Amino acid sequence: MKHNTAEDRHYFADRDVVSVAESASREDRFSYARILRTIGHDLEKYRVVTCDLTLENDLYRVNGRALPAKKARKGLSEWARKFFVKEHDSPHPDSITNRIELRYSMADIRALDAQVRDRRSAAPEVPDPLSISQLLRVIGGFMDKRCDEELLGVSIDDRWVTITHVSRDNRLLKTRHDVEYFYDLWVKMYLQRSNRLSTPPVSGPTICIAGGRLISGVHYLR
């Protein structure tokens, strides 16, 4: 399948300030796919459609833009409740800009993951490949395949996804694809998990220019 995918762009730090923090092994922590999918499920609650996600010291911060809230006509009882009952101070999008800022510790993510699993067990359903949770899930899977690389951030802006990460040789990289590229990866993943695909097909080749060296590789979705 031919991907409508922009050329990967890699930018390298001109100062030696990026280092991969020591952390638990992958076996002792959630995969990127599981973490990002869980965060995505929570973002859907706020109707987030675009976002900038950053990761530092196992704390995930999200600056997102949500769809405008539907304005419903409020009755007398609703006005009375809002006047006399103190609302729980939960995050909510700005009423003018529709921006929202959220953050998730690993404890938050584990708790949210348990809630999502309970809901899925109670009411199984086919996931929506166009949802932000599934998009983040496949972005996480993309990073999980890049062994010994550290995720620093993800930016989703309309039809483009930019991933900021650190290579195994300690270079700061930015990889950019259109959303369709990750949709195709999701379809392959779904077919494989459904035992409908015996041999995963290869995606388009990835060309990386790193320090004057040309590296050509082919990625497989396992």
N, C-alpha and C. Protein backbone atom coordinates (compact mmCIF):
# COMPACT_ATOMS: atom_id res chain seq x y z
N MET A 1 0.84 -1.19 0.00
CA MET A 1 0.00 0.00 0.00
C MET A 1 0.88 1.24 0.00
N LYS A 2 0.57 2.18 -0.86
CA LYS A 2 1.34 3.40 -0.95
C LYS A 2 0.85 4.38 0.11
N HIS A 3 1.77 4.88 0.91
CA HIS A 3 1.40 5.80 1.99
C HIS A 3 1.52 7.23 1.51
N ASN A 4 0.54 8.04 1.84
CA ASN A 4 0.61 9.47 1.59
C ASN A 4 1.34 10.09 2.77
N THR A 5 2.63 9.86 2.82
CA THR A 5 3.43 10.18 4.00
C THR A 5 4.53 11.16 3.66
N ALA A 6 4.66 12.18 4.51
CA ALA A 6 5.74 13.14 4.30
C ALA A 6 7.06 12.50 4.66
N GLU A 7 8.13 13.01 4.08
CA GLU A 7 9.47 12.52 4.39
C GLU A 7 9.77 12.76 5.86
N ASP A 8 10.37 11.76 6.52
CA ASP A 8 10.76 11.95 7.91
C ASP A 8 11.75 13.11 7.99
N ARG A 9 11.58 13.96 9.00
CA ARG A 9 12.52 15.05 9.21
C ARG A 9 13.18 14.85 10.57
N HIS A 10 14.48 14.86 10.60
CA HIS A 10 15.22 14.63 11.83
C HIS A 10 16.05 15.88 12.14
N TYR A 11 15.88 16.40 13.35
CA TYR A 11 16.62 17.57 13.77
C TYR A 11 17.51 17.16 14.93
N PHE A 12 18.73 17.59 14.92
CA PHE A 12 19.68 17.15 15.92
C PHE A 12 20.07 18.31 16.82
N ALA A 13 20.14 18.03 18.10
CA ALA A 13 20.49 19.07 19.07
C ALA A 13 21.92 19.54 18.81
N ASP A 14 22.12 20.87 18.86
CA ASP A 14 23.45 21.41 18.64
C ASP A 14 24.18 21.61 19.95
N ARG A 15 23.62 21.10 21.01
CA ARG A 15 24.28 21.18 22.30
C ARG A 15 24.06 19.88 23.02
N ASP A 16 25.03 19.50 23.81
CA ASP A 16 25.01 18.19 24.45
C ASP A 16 24.26 18.28 25.77
N VAL A 17 22.91 18.45 25.68
CA VAL A 17 22.12 18.60 26.90
C VAL A 17 21.11 17.49 27.06
N VAL A 18 20.95 16.65 26.06
CA VAL A 18 19.93 15.61 26.11
C VAL A 18 20.57 14.31 26.57
N SER A 19 20.01 13.71 27.57
CA SER A 19 20.48 12.41 28.03
C SER A 19 19.28 11.55 28.34
N VAL A 20 19.43 10.26 28.13
CA VAL A 20 18.35 9.34 28.41
C VAL A 20 18.37 8.99 29.88
N ALA A 21 17.29 9.34 30.58
CA ALA A 21 17.23 9.12 32.03
C ALA A 21 17.16 7.63 32.33
N GLU A 22 17.80 7.27 33.45
CA GLU A 22 17.73 5.88 33.88
C GLU A 22 16.32 5.59 34.37
N SER A 23 15.80 4.47 33.97
CA SER A 23 14.44 4.10 34.37
C SER A 23 14.34 2.60 34.46
N ALA A 24 13.18 2.14 34.91
CA ALA A 24 12.95 0.70 35.03
C ALA A 24 12.95 0.07 33.65
N SER A 25 13.21 -1.21 33.56
CA SER A 25 13.20 -1.92 32.28
C SER A 25 11.79 -1.95 31.72
N ARG A 26 11.69 -2.20 30.39
CA ARG A 26 10.37 -2.23 29.76
C ARG A 26 9.48 -3.31 30.37
N GLU A 27 10.08 -4.37 30.86
CA GLU A 27 9.28 -5.44 31.44
C GLU A 27 8.62 -5.00 32.73
N ASP A 28 9.21 -3.99 33.40
CA ASP A 28 8.69 -3.56 34.69
C ASP A 28 7.77 -2.35 34.59
N ARG A 29 7.50 -1.88 33.35
CA ARG A 29 6.64 -0.72 33.21
C ARG A 29 5.72 -0.91 32.01
N PHE A 30 4.74 -0.02 31.91
CA PHE A 30 3.82 -0.08 30.79
C PHE A 30 4.56 0.26 29.49
N SER A 31 4.09 -0.32 28.40
CA SER A 31 4.63 0.04 27.09
C SER A 31 4.14 1.43 26.74
N TYR A 32 4.81 2.07 25.77
CA TYR A 32 4.34 3.37 25.31
C TYR A 32 2.93 3.25 24.73
N ALA A 33 2.67 2.16 24.02
CA ALA A 33 1.34 1.97 23.41
C ALA A 33 0.25 1.97 24.48
N ARG A 34 0.49 1.28 25.56
CA ARG A 34 -0.51 1.17 26.62
C ARG A 34 -0.68 2.50 27.35
N ILE A 35 0.43 3.19 27.61
CA ILE A 35 0.37 4.47 28.30
C ILE A 35 -0.37 5.51 27.47
N LEU A 36 0.02 5.64 26.20
CA LEU A 36 -0.59 6.67 25.36
C LEU A 36 -2.06 6.36 25.07
N ARG A 37 -2.39 5.08 24.90
CA ARG A 37 -3.80 4.73 24.69
C ARG A 37 -4.63 5.12 25.91
N THR A 38 -4.11 4.85 27.10
CA THR A 38 -4.84 5.18 28.33
C THR A 38 -5.04 6.69 28.45
N ILE A 39 -4.00 7.46 28.17
CA ILE A 39 -4.14 8.91 28.19
C ILE A 39 -5.16 9.35 27.15
N GLY A 40 -5.13 8.72 25.97
CA GLY A 40 -6.08 9.06 24.92
C GLY A 40 -7.52 8.84 25.33
N HIS A 41 -7.78 7.76 26.06
CA HIS A 41 -9.15 7.52 26.54
C HIS A 41 -9.60 8.66 27.45
N ASP A 42 -8.70 9.17 28.27
CA ASP A 42 -9.07 10.27 29.16
C ASP A 42 -9.27 11.56 28.36
N LEU A 43 -8.45 11.77 27.33
CA LEU A 43 -8.60 12.97 26.50
C LEU A 43 -9.95 12.97 25.78
N GLU A 44 -10.43 11.80 25.43
CA GLU A 44 -11.73 11.71 24.75
C GLU A 44 -12.85 12.21 25.66
N LYS A 45 -12.67 12.04 26.94
CA LYS A 45 -13.68 12.53 27.90
C LYS A 45 -13.82 14.05 27.81
N TYR A 46 -12.70 14.72 27.48
CA TYR A 46 -12.72 16.18 27.36
C TYR A 46 -12.90 16.64 25.91
N ARG A 47 -13.13 15.69 25.01
CA ARG A 47 -13.35 15.99 23.58
C ARG A 47 -12.15 16.67 22.94
N VAL A 48 -10.94 16.23 23.36
CA VAL A 48 -9.70 16.80 22.81
C VAL A 48 -9.48 16.27 21.40
N VAL A 49 -9.14 17.16 20.46
CA VAL A 49 -8.94 16.76 19.07
C VAL A 49 -7.50 16.98 18.60
N THR A 50 -6.80 17.96 19.15
CA THR A 50 -5.38 18.15 18.86
C THR A 50 -4.66 18.37 20.18
N CYS A 51 -3.39 18.01 20.23
CA CYS A 51 -2.68 18.14 21.50
C CYS A 51 -1.17 18.14 21.32
N ASP A 52 -0.51 18.71 22.32
CA ASP A 52 0.94 18.60 22.46
C ASP A 52 1.19 17.86 23.77
N LEU A 53 1.84 16.71 23.67
CA LEU A 53 2.11 15.88 24.84
C LEU A 53 3.61 15.85 25.07
N THR A 54 4.02 16.09 26.31
CA THR A 54 5.44 16.03 26.66
C THR A 54 5.63 15.08 27.83
N LEU A 55 6.81 14.48 27.87
CA LEU A 55 7.13 13.50 28.92
C LEU A 55 8.44 13.89 29.59
N GLU A 56 8.39 13.98 30.91
CA GLU A 56 9.59 14.28 31.67
C GLU A 56 9.48 13.62 33.04
N ASN A 57 10.47 12.79 33.36
CA ASN A 57 10.51 12.10 34.66
C ASN A 57 9.22 11.35 34.94
N ASP A 58 8.74 10.60 33.93
CA ASP A 58 7.53 9.79 34.05
C ASP A 58 6.27 10.60 34.34
N LEU A 59 6.30 11.89 34.03
CA LEU A 59 5.11 12.74 34.13
C LEU A 59 4.73 13.20 32.74
N TYR A 60 3.50 12.87 32.34
CA TYR A 60 3.00 13.22 31.02
C TYR A 60 2.14 14.47 31.13
N ARG A 61 2.51 15.49 30.38
CA ARG A 61 1.75 16.75 30.36
C ARG A 61 1.10 16.91 28.99
N VAL A 62 -0.14 17.32 28.99
CA VAL A 62 -0.89 17.50 27.74
C VAL A 62 -1.45 18.90 27.68
N ASN A 63 -1.17 19.58 26.60
CA ASN A 63 -1.81 20.86 26.29
C ASN A 63 -2.65 20.63 25.05
N GLY A 64 -3.96 20.57 25.20
CA GLY A 64 -4.82 20.17 24.11
C GLY A 64 -5.87 21.20 23.74
N ARG A 65 -6.46 20.99 22.58
CA ARG A 65 -7.59 21.81 22.15
C ARG A 65 -8.81 20.90 22.02
N ALA A 66 -9.88 21.29 22.70
CA ALA A 66 -11.10 20.48 22.72
C ALA A 66 -12.15 21.07 21.80
N LEU A 67 -13.07 20.22 21.40
CA LEU A 67 -14.23 20.70 20.65
C LEU A 67 -15.07 21.60 21.55
N PRO A 68 -15.67 22.63 21.01
CA PRO A 68 -16.51 23.52 21.84
C PRO A 68 -17.63 22.73 22.50
N ALA A 69 -17.88 23.04 23.75
CA ALA A 69 -18.95 22.36 24.48
C ALA A 69 -20.31 22.77 23.92
N LYS A 70 -21.21 21.81 23.89
CA LYS A 70 -22.57 22.11 23.43
C LYS A 70 -23.30 22.89 24.52
N LYS A 71 -23.86 24.00 24.13
CA LYS A 71 -24.58 24.84 25.10
C LYS A 71 -26.02 24.35 25.22
N ALA A 72 -26.35 23.91 26.42
CA ALA A 72 -27.72 23.43 26.68
C ALA A 72 -28.46 24.45 27.54
N ARG A 73 -29.74 24.56 27.28
CA ARG A 73 -30.57 25.46 28.07
C ARG A 73 -30.74 24.90 29.48
N LYS A 74 -30.39 25.70 30.46
CA LYS A 74 -30.43 25.23 31.83
C LYS A 74 -31.73 25.63 32.52
N GLY A 75 -32.29 24.67 33.24
CA GLY A 75 -33.51 24.92 33.96
C GLY A 75 -33.24 25.53 35.33
N LEU A 76 -34.29 25.84 36.05
CA LEU A 76 -34.16 26.47 37.37
C LEU A 76 -33.41 25.57 38.34
N SER A 77 -33.66 24.25 38.30
CA SER A 77 -33.00 23.32 39.22
C SER A 77 -31.49 23.29 38.97
N GLU A 78 -31.09 23.40 37.69
CA GLU A 78 -29.66 23.38 37.37
C GLU A 78 -28.97 24.64 37.89
N TRP A 79 -29.61 25.78 37.73
CA TRP A 79 -29.04 27.02 38.26
C TRP A 79 -28.94 26.96 39.78
N ALA A 80 -29.95 26.40 40.43
CA ALA A 80 -29.93 26.30 41.90
C ALA A 80 -28.82 25.38 42.36
N ARG A 81 -28.65 24.27 41.64
CA ARG A 81 -27.60 23.32 42.03
C ARG A 81 -26.22 23.96 41.91
N LYS A 82 -25.98 24.72 40.82
CA LYS A 82 -24.69 25.35 40.64
C LYS A 82 -24.45 26.45 41.67
N PHE A 83 -25.54 27.07 42.18
CA PHE A 83 -25.38 28.15 43.15
C PHE A 83 -25.09 27.62 44.55
N PHE A 84 -25.79 26.53 44.91
CA PHE A 84 -25.68 26.04 46.28
C PHE A 84 -24.68 24.90 46.46
N VAL A 85 -24.40 24.17 45.39
CA VAL A 85 -23.51 23.00 45.51
C VAL A 85 -22.15 23.35 44.95
N LYS A 86 -21.11 23.12 45.72
CA LYS A 86 -19.75 23.39 45.27
C LYS A 86 -19.29 22.29 44.34
N GLU A 87 -18.89 22.67 43.13
CA GLU A 87 -18.45 21.70 42.13
C GLU A 87 -17.06 21.19 42.47
N HIS A 88 -16.82 19.94 42.11
CA HIS A 88 -15.47 19.38 42.26
C HIS A 88 -14.53 20.08 41.28
N ASP A 89 -13.38 20.50 41.78
CA ASP A 89 -12.44 21.27 40.97
C ASP A 89 -11.71 20.36 39.99
N SER A 90 -12.38 19.97 38.93
CA SER A 90 -11.78 19.11 37.91
C SER A 90 -11.38 19.94 36.72
N PRO A 91 -10.41 19.48 35.93
CA PRO A 91 -9.98 20.25 34.76
C PRO A 91 -11.12 20.39 33.76
N HIS A 92 -11.11 21.49 33.05
CA HIS A 92 -12.10 21.69 32.00
C HIS A 92 -11.52 22.66 30.97
N PRO A 93 -11.92 22.55 29.72
CA PRO A 93 -11.39 23.44 28.68
C PRO A 93 -11.78 24.89 28.94
N ASP A 94 -10.91 25.79 28.54
CA ASP A 94 -11.20 27.21 28.64
C ASP A 94 -12.41 27.54 27.77
N SER A 95 -13.32 28.33 28.30
CA SER A 95 -14.57 28.60 27.59
C SER A 95 -14.37 29.44 26.34
N ILE A 96 -13.23 30.14 26.23
CA ILE A 96 -12.98 31.00 25.06
C ILE A 96 -12.04 30.31 24.06
N THR A 97 -10.92 29.80 24.55
CA THR A 97 -9.91 29.22 23.66
C THR A 97 -10.11 27.73 23.43
N ASN A 98 -10.90 27.09 24.29
CA ASN A 98 -11.10 25.62 24.25
C ASN A 98 -9.81 24.85 24.51
N ARG A 99 -8.82 25.52 25.10
CA ARG A 99 -7.57 24.83 25.47
C ARG A 99 -7.73 24.19 26.85
N ILE A 100 -7.03 23.09 27.04
CA ILE A 100 -7.05 22.41 28.34
C ILE A 100 -5.68 21.86 28.64
N GLU A 101 -5.25 21.94 29.88
CA GLU A 101 -3.96 21.41 30.30
C GLU A 101 -4.21 20.29 31.31
N LEU A 102 -3.58 19.16 31.05
CA LEU A 102 -3.73 17.99 31.91
C LEU A 102 -2.36 17.39 32.17
N ARG A 103 -2.24 16.65 33.26
CA ARG A 103 -1.00 15.94 33.51
C ARG A 103 -1.32 14.60 34.16
N TYR A 104 -0.46 13.63 33.89
CA TYR A 104 -0.69 12.26 34.33
C TYR A 104 0.61 11.67 34.89
N SER A 105 0.56 11.25 36.14
CA SER A 105 1.66 10.48 36.71
C SER A 105 1.44 9.02 36.35
N MET A 106 2.43 8.19 36.60
CA MET A 106 2.25 6.77 36.32
C MET A 106 1.18 6.17 37.21
N ALA A 107 1.01 6.70 38.42
CA ALA A 107 -0.06 6.21 39.30
C ALA A 107 -1.42 6.54 38.69
N ASP A 108 -1.55 7.75 38.12
CA ASP A 108 -2.80 8.13 37.45
C ASP A 108 -3.08 7.20 36.27
N ILE A 109 -2.04 6.92 35.49
CA ILE A 109 -2.20 6.10 34.29
C ILE A 109 -2.60 4.68 34.65
N ARG A 110 -1.99 4.13 35.70
CA ARG A 110 -2.37 2.77 36.11
C ARG A 110 -3.82 2.72 36.58
N ALA A 111 -4.26 3.75 37.29
CA ALA A 111 -5.66 3.79 37.76
C ALA A 111 -6.62 3.93 36.58
N LEU A 112 -6.28 4.80 35.63
CA LEU A 112 -7.13 4.98 34.46
C LEU A 112 -7.16 3.72 33.61
N ASP A 113 -6.03 3.05 33.50
CA ASP A 113 -5.95 1.81 32.71
C ASP A 113 -6.88 0.74 33.29
N ALA A 114 -6.91 0.65 34.62
CA ALA A 114 -7.79 -0.32 35.27
C ALA A 114 -9.26 0.00 34.98
N GLN A 115 -9.61 1.29 35.00
CA GLN A 115 -10.98 1.69 34.70
C GLN A 115 -11.36 1.36 33.26
N VAL A 116 -10.44 1.61 32.34
CA VAL A 116 -10.70 1.32 30.92
C VAL A 116 -10.90 -0.18 30.72
N ARG A 117 -10.07 -0.98 31.36
CA ARG A 117 -10.18 -2.43 31.22
C ARG A 117 -11.51 -2.94 31.79
N ASP A 118 -11.95 -2.36 32.88
CA ASP A 118 -13.24 -2.75 33.46
C ASP A 118 -14.38 -2.44 32.50
N ARG A 119 -14.32 -1.25 31.88
CA ARG A 119 -15.37 -0.87 30.92
C ARG A 119 -15.36 -1.78 29.70
N ARG A 120 -14.17 -2.11 29.23
CA ARG A 120 -14.07 -2.97 28.05
C ARG A 120 -14.57 -4.38 28.36
N SER A 121 -14.33 -4.85 29.58
CA SER A 121 -14.81 -6.19 29.96
C SER A 121 -16.32 -6.21 30.07
N ALA A 122 -16.89 -5.11 30.58
CA ALA A 122 -18.33 -5.06 30.77
C ALA A 122 -19.07 -4.88 29.45
N ALA A 123 -18.47 -4.12 28.53
CA ALA A 123 -19.14 -3.86 27.25
C ALA A 123 -18.11 -3.84 26.12
N PRO A 124 -17.71 -5.04 25.66
CA PRO A 124 -16.71 -5.11 24.58
C PRO A 124 -17.23 -4.43 23.31
N GLU A 125 -16.34 -3.73 22.62
CA GLU A 125 -16.73 -3.09 21.38
C GLU A 125 -15.51 -2.96 20.48
N VAL A 126 -15.76 -2.83 19.19
CA VAL A 126 -14.67 -2.66 18.23
C VAL A 126 -14.12 -1.24 18.37
N PRO A 127 -12.82 -1.07 18.59
CA PRO A 127 -12.27 0.27 18.76
C PRO A 127 -12.40 1.09 17.48
N ASP A 128 -12.52 2.40 17.65
CA ASP A 128 -12.62 3.32 16.53
C ASP A 128 -11.22 3.74 16.11
N PRO A 129 -10.76 3.36 14.92
CA PRO A 129 -9.39 3.69 14.51
C PRO A 129 -9.14 5.18 14.34
N LEU A 130 -10.21 5.97 14.27
CA LEU A 130 -10.06 7.41 14.08
C LEU A 130 -10.08 8.17 15.41
N SER A 131 -10.26 7.45 16.51
CA SER A 131 -10.28 8.11 17.82
C SER A 131 -8.87 8.48 18.25
N ILE A 132 -8.76 9.47 19.13
CA ILE A 132 -7.44 9.91 19.57
C ILE A 132 -6.76 8.85 20.43
N SER A 133 -7.55 8.03 21.13
CA SER A 133 -6.94 6.97 21.94
C SER A 133 -6.26 5.93 21.06
N GLN A 134 -6.87 5.58 19.93
CA GLN A 134 -6.26 4.59 19.04
C GLN A 134 -5.10 5.19 18.25
N LEU A 135 -5.20 6.48 17.91
CA LEU A 135 -4.08 7.13 17.26
C LEU A 135 -2.87 7.16 18.19
N LEU A 136 -3.09 7.55 19.45
CA LEU A 136 -1.98 7.56 20.40
C LEU A 136 -1.46 6.16 20.66
N ARG A 137 -2.33 5.18 20.65
CA ARG A 137 -1.91 3.80 20.87
C ARG A 137 -0.93 3.35 19.80
N VAL A 138 -1.24 3.62 18.52
CA VAL A 138 -0.37 3.17 17.45
C VAL A 138 0.91 4.00 17.39
N ILE A 139 0.84 5.28 17.80
CA ILE A 139 2.06 6.08 17.93
C ILE A 139 2.97 5.47 18.99
N GLY A 140 2.37 5.05 20.10
CA GLY A 140 3.16 4.38 21.14
C GLY A 140 3.76 3.08 20.65
N GLY A 141 2.99 2.31 19.86
CA GLY A 141 3.52 1.08 19.29
C GLY A 141 4.68 1.35 18.35
N PHE A 142 4.58 2.43 17.61
CA PHE A 142 5.67 2.85 16.71
C PHE A 142 6.95 3.08 17.51
N MET A 143 6.83 3.72 18.69
CA MET A 143 8.00 3.97 19.53
C MET A 143 8.49 2.70 20.21
N ASP A 144 7.56 1.80 20.58
CA ASP A 144 7.96 0.55 21.23
C ASP A 144 8.86 -0.28 20.33
N LYS A 145 8.68 -0.16 19.01
CA LYS A 145 9.50 -0.92 18.07
C LYS A 145 10.90 -0.33 17.90
N ARG A 146 11.07 0.89 18.33
CA ARG A 146 12.37 1.55 18.20
C ARG A 146 13.14 1.32 19.51
N CYS A 147 13.78 0.19 19.59
CA CYS A 147 14.43 -0.25 20.83
C CYS A 147 15.46 0.78 21.30
N ASP A 148 15.50 0.96 22.60
CA ASP A 148 16.49 1.83 23.26
C ASP A 148 16.32 3.30 22.90
N GLU A 149 15.15 3.68 22.37
CA GLU A 149 14.89 5.10 22.12
C GLU A 149 13.90 5.61 23.17
N GLU A 150 14.07 6.87 23.53
CA GLU A 150 13.27 7.46 24.60
C GLU A 150 12.30 8.49 24.02
N LEU A 151 11.04 8.38 24.38
CA LEU A 151 10.02 9.32 23.92
C LEU A 151 10.07 10.59 24.77
N LEU A 152 10.07 11.75 24.09
CA LEU A 152 10.02 13.03 24.78
C LEU A 152 8.71 13.77 24.57
N GLY A 153 8.08 13.56 23.43
CA GLY A 153 6.84 14.27 23.18
C GLY A 153 6.16 13.85 21.90
N VAL A 154 4.87 14.18 21.82
CA VAL A 154 4.05 13.91 20.63
C VAL A 154 3.19 15.14 20.38
N SER A 155 3.17 15.57 19.13
CA SER A 155 2.31 16.68 18.74
C SER A 155 1.36 16.22 17.66
N ILE A 156 0.05 16.37 17.90
CA ILE A 156 -0.98 16.01 16.93
C ILE A 156 -1.69 17.29 16.53
N ASP A 157 -1.52 17.67 15.26
CA ASP A 157 -2.10 18.91 14.79
C ASP A 157 -2.80 18.66 13.46
N ASP A 158 -4.11 18.57 13.52
CA ASP A 158 -4.91 18.27 12.33
C ASP A 158 -4.46 16.95 11.72
N ARG A 159 -3.83 16.95 10.55
CA ARG A 159 -3.49 15.70 9.88
C ARG A 159 -2.03 15.31 10.04
N TRP A 160 -1.28 16.00 10.88
CA TRP A 160 0.13 15.70 11.05
C TRP A 160 0.45 15.27 12.47
N VAL A 161 1.39 14.33 12.58
CA VAL A 161 1.89 13.86 13.87
C VAL A 161 3.40 14.05 13.89
N THR A 162 3.90 14.71 14.92
CA THR A 162 5.34 14.90 15.10
C THR A 162 5.76 14.24 16.41
N ILE A 163 6.73 13.35 16.32
CA ILE A 163 7.21 12.63 17.50
C ILE A 163 8.62 13.12 17.82
N THR A 164 8.83 13.56 19.05
CA THR A 164 10.16 13.98 19.51
C THR A 164 10.73 12.86 20.37
N HIS A 165 11.92 12.41 20.03
CA HIS A 165 12.50 11.28 20.76
C HIS A 165 14.02 11.36 20.74
N VAL A 166 14.64 10.57 21.60
CA VAL A 166 16.10 10.53 21.71
C VAL A 166 16.57 9.19 21.19
N SER A 167 17.54 9.22 20.28
CA SER A 167 18.07 7.99 19.69
C SER A 167 18.98 7.28 20.68
N ARG A 168 19.34 6.06 20.33
CA ARG A 168 20.20 5.28 21.22
C ARG A 168 21.60 5.89 21.34
N ASP A 169 22.00 6.72 20.34
CA ASP A 169 23.30 7.38 20.44
C ASP A 169 23.15 8.81 20.94
N ASN A 170 22.03 9.07 21.63
CA ASN A 170 21.83 10.32 22.37
C ASN A 170 21.64 11.52 21.46
N ARG A 171 20.96 11.35 20.34
CA ARG A 171 20.63 12.47 19.46
C ARG A 171 19.14 12.81 19.59
N LEU A 172 18.87 14.10 19.57
CA LEU A 172 17.48 14.55 19.64
C LEU A 172 16.90 14.53 18.22
N LEU A 173 15.79 13.78 18.06
CA LEU A 173 15.19 13.57 16.74
C LEU A 173 13.74 14.02 16.73
N LYS A 174 13.28 14.42 15.54
CA LYS A 174 11.85 14.68 15.31
C LYS A 174 11.44 13.88 14.08
N THR A 175 10.42 13.05 14.24
CA THR A 175 9.91 12.23 13.14
C THR A 175 8.49 12.69 12.84
N ARG A 176 8.21 12.96 11.58
CA ARG A 176 6.91 13.51 11.20
C ARG A 176 6.24 12.62 10.14
N HIS A 177 4.98 12.28 10.39
CA HIS A 177 4.17 11.52 9.44
C HIS A 177 2.77 12.13 9.42
N ASP A 178 2.05 11.86 8.36
CA ASP A 178 0.65 12.26 8.37
C ASP A 178 -0.17 11.20 9.10
N VAL A 179 -1.40 11.57 9.47
CA VAL A 179 -2.24 10.68 10.25
C VAL A 179 -2.55 9.40 9.49
N GLU A 180 -2.63 9.49 8.17
CA GLU A 180 -2.95 8.31 7.37
C GLU A 180 -1.91 7.20 7.55
N TYR A 181 -0.65 7.60 7.72
CA TYR A 181 0.42 6.63 7.94
C TYR A 181 0.12 5.78 9.18
N PHE A 182 -0.30 6.44 10.27
CA PHE A 182 -0.59 5.70 11.50
C PHE A 182 -1.92 4.94 11.40
N TYR A 183 -2.84 5.45 10.60
CA TYR A 183 -4.08 4.70 10.36
C TYR A 183 -3.76 3.37 9.68
N ASP A 184 -2.87 3.39 8.68
CA ASP A 184 -2.48 2.15 8.00
C ASP A 184 -1.80 1.18 8.96
N LEU A 185 -0.97 1.72 9.86
CA LEU A 185 -0.34 0.86 10.86
C LEU A 185 -1.38 0.24 11.79
N TRP A 186 -2.39 1.04 12.15
CA TRP A 186 -3.45 0.53 13.03
C TRP A 186 -4.19 -0.61 12.35
N VAL A 187 -4.51 -0.47 11.06
CA VAL A 187 -5.23 -1.52 10.34
C VAL A 187 -4.42 -2.81 10.34
N LYS A 188 -3.12 -2.71 10.09
CA LYS A 188 -2.27 -3.90 10.10
C LYS A 188 -2.24 -4.54 11.49
N MET A 189 -2.14 -3.70 12.52
CA MET A 189 -2.14 -4.21 13.89
C MET A 189 -3.45 -4.92 14.21
N TYR A 190 -4.58 -4.32 13.81
CA TYR A 190 -5.88 -4.92 14.09
C TYR A 190 -6.03 -6.26 13.38
N LEU A 191 -5.61 -6.33 12.12
CA LEU A 191 -5.70 -7.58 11.37
C LEU A 191 -4.84 -8.66 12.00
N GLN A 192 -3.66 -8.27 12.44
CA GLN A 192 -2.76 -9.24 13.06
C GLN A 192 -3.35 -9.76 14.37
N ARG A 193 -3.85 -8.85 15.20
CA ARG A 193 -4.42 -9.26 16.49
C ARG A 193 -5.68 -10.09 16.31
N SER A 194 -6.37 -9.92 15.17
CA SER A 194 -7.57 -10.70 14.90
C SER A 194 -7.26 -12.00 14.17
N ASN A 195 -5.96 -12.31 14.03
CA ASN A 195 -5.52 -13.52 13.33
C ASN A 195 -6.02 -13.57 11.89
N ARG A 196 -6.14 -12.38 11.29
CA ARG A 196 -6.58 -12.34 9.91
C ARG A 196 -5.42 -12.13 8.95
N LEU A 197 -4.24 -11.96 9.50
CA LEU A 197 -3.08 -11.70 8.67
C LEU A 197 -1.97 -12.61 9.13
N SER A 198 -1.55 -13.53 8.29
CA SER A 198 -0.54 -14.50 8.68
C SER A 198 0.85 -13.89 8.69
N THR A 199 1.16 -13.07 7.70
CA THR A 199 2.47 -12.44 7.62
C THR A 199 2.30 -10.94 7.51
N PRO A 200 2.76 -10.17 8.50
CA PRO A 200 2.58 -8.72 8.44
C PRO A 200 3.32 -8.14 7.25
N PRO A 201 2.65 -7.34 6.42
CA PRO A 201 3.34 -6.72 5.30
C PRO A 201 4.23 -5.59 5.77
N VAL A 202 5.19 -5.22 4.97
CA VAL A 202 6.09 -4.14 5.36
C VAL A 202 5.46 -2.82 5.01
N SER A 203 5.84 -1.80 5.77
CA SER A 203 5.40 -0.46 5.46
C SER A 203 6.39 0.13 4.46
N GLY A 204 6.16 1.39 4.09
CA GLY A 204 7.10 2.05 3.19
C GLY A 204 8.44 2.23 3.87
N PRO A 205 9.51 2.33 3.08
CA PRO A 205 10.85 2.50 3.66
C PRO A 205 10.97 3.82 4.37
N THR A 206 11.77 3.84 5.43
CA THR A 206 12.05 5.07 6.15
C THR A 206 13.47 5.49 5.85
N ILE A 207 13.66 6.72 5.42
CA ILE A 207 14.98 7.24 5.10
C ILE A 207 15.35 8.26 6.16
N CYS A 208 16.47 8.06 6.82
CA CYS A 208 16.91 8.96 7.86
C CYS A 208 18.26 9.54 7.47
N ILE A 209 18.41 10.84 7.59
CA ILE A 209 19.71 11.46 7.37
C ILE A 209 20.24 11.85 8.74
N ALA A 210 21.35 11.22 9.14
CA ALA A 210 21.88 11.42 10.48
C ALA A 210 23.36 11.71 10.40
N GLY A 211 23.73 12.93 10.70
CA GLY A 211 25.13 13.29 10.76
C GLY A 211 25.87 13.04 9.46
N GLY A 212 25.20 13.27 8.33
CA GLY A 212 25.85 13.09 7.05
C GLY A 212 25.81 11.67 6.54
N ARG A 213 25.27 10.74 7.32
CA ARG A 213 25.17 9.35 6.91
C ARG A 213 23.75 9.05 6.47
N LEU A 214 23.61 8.33 5.39
CA LEU A 214 22.29 7.97 4.88
C LEU A 214 21.98 6.55 5.32
N ILE A 215 20.86 6.41 6.02
CA ILE A 215 20.47 5.11 6.56
C ILE A 215 19.12 4.76 6.00
N SER A 216 19.02 3.63 5.34
CA SER A 216 17.74 3.21 4.78
C SER A 216 17.32 1.93 5.46
N GLY A 217 16.07 1.90 5.95
CA GLY A 217 15.60 0.71 6.64
C GLY A 217 14.15 0.46 6.33
N VAL A 218 13.68 -0.74 6.57
CA VAL A 218 12.29 -1.09 6.36
C VAL A 218 11.73 -1.53 7.69
N HIS A 219 10.60 -0.93 8.09
CA HIS A 219 9.99 -1.24 9.39
C HIS A 219 8.88 -2.26 9.22
N TYR A 220 8.83 -3.22 10.09
CA TYR A 220 7.76 -4.20 10.09
C TYR A 220 6.87 -3.97 11.29
N LEU A 221 5.59 -4.14 11.11
CA LEU A 221 4.66 -4.09 12.23
C LEU A 221 4.49 -5.50 12.75
N ARG A 222 4.94 -5.74 13.96
CA ARG A 222 4.89 -7.09 14.52
C ARG A 222 3.67 -7.27 15.39
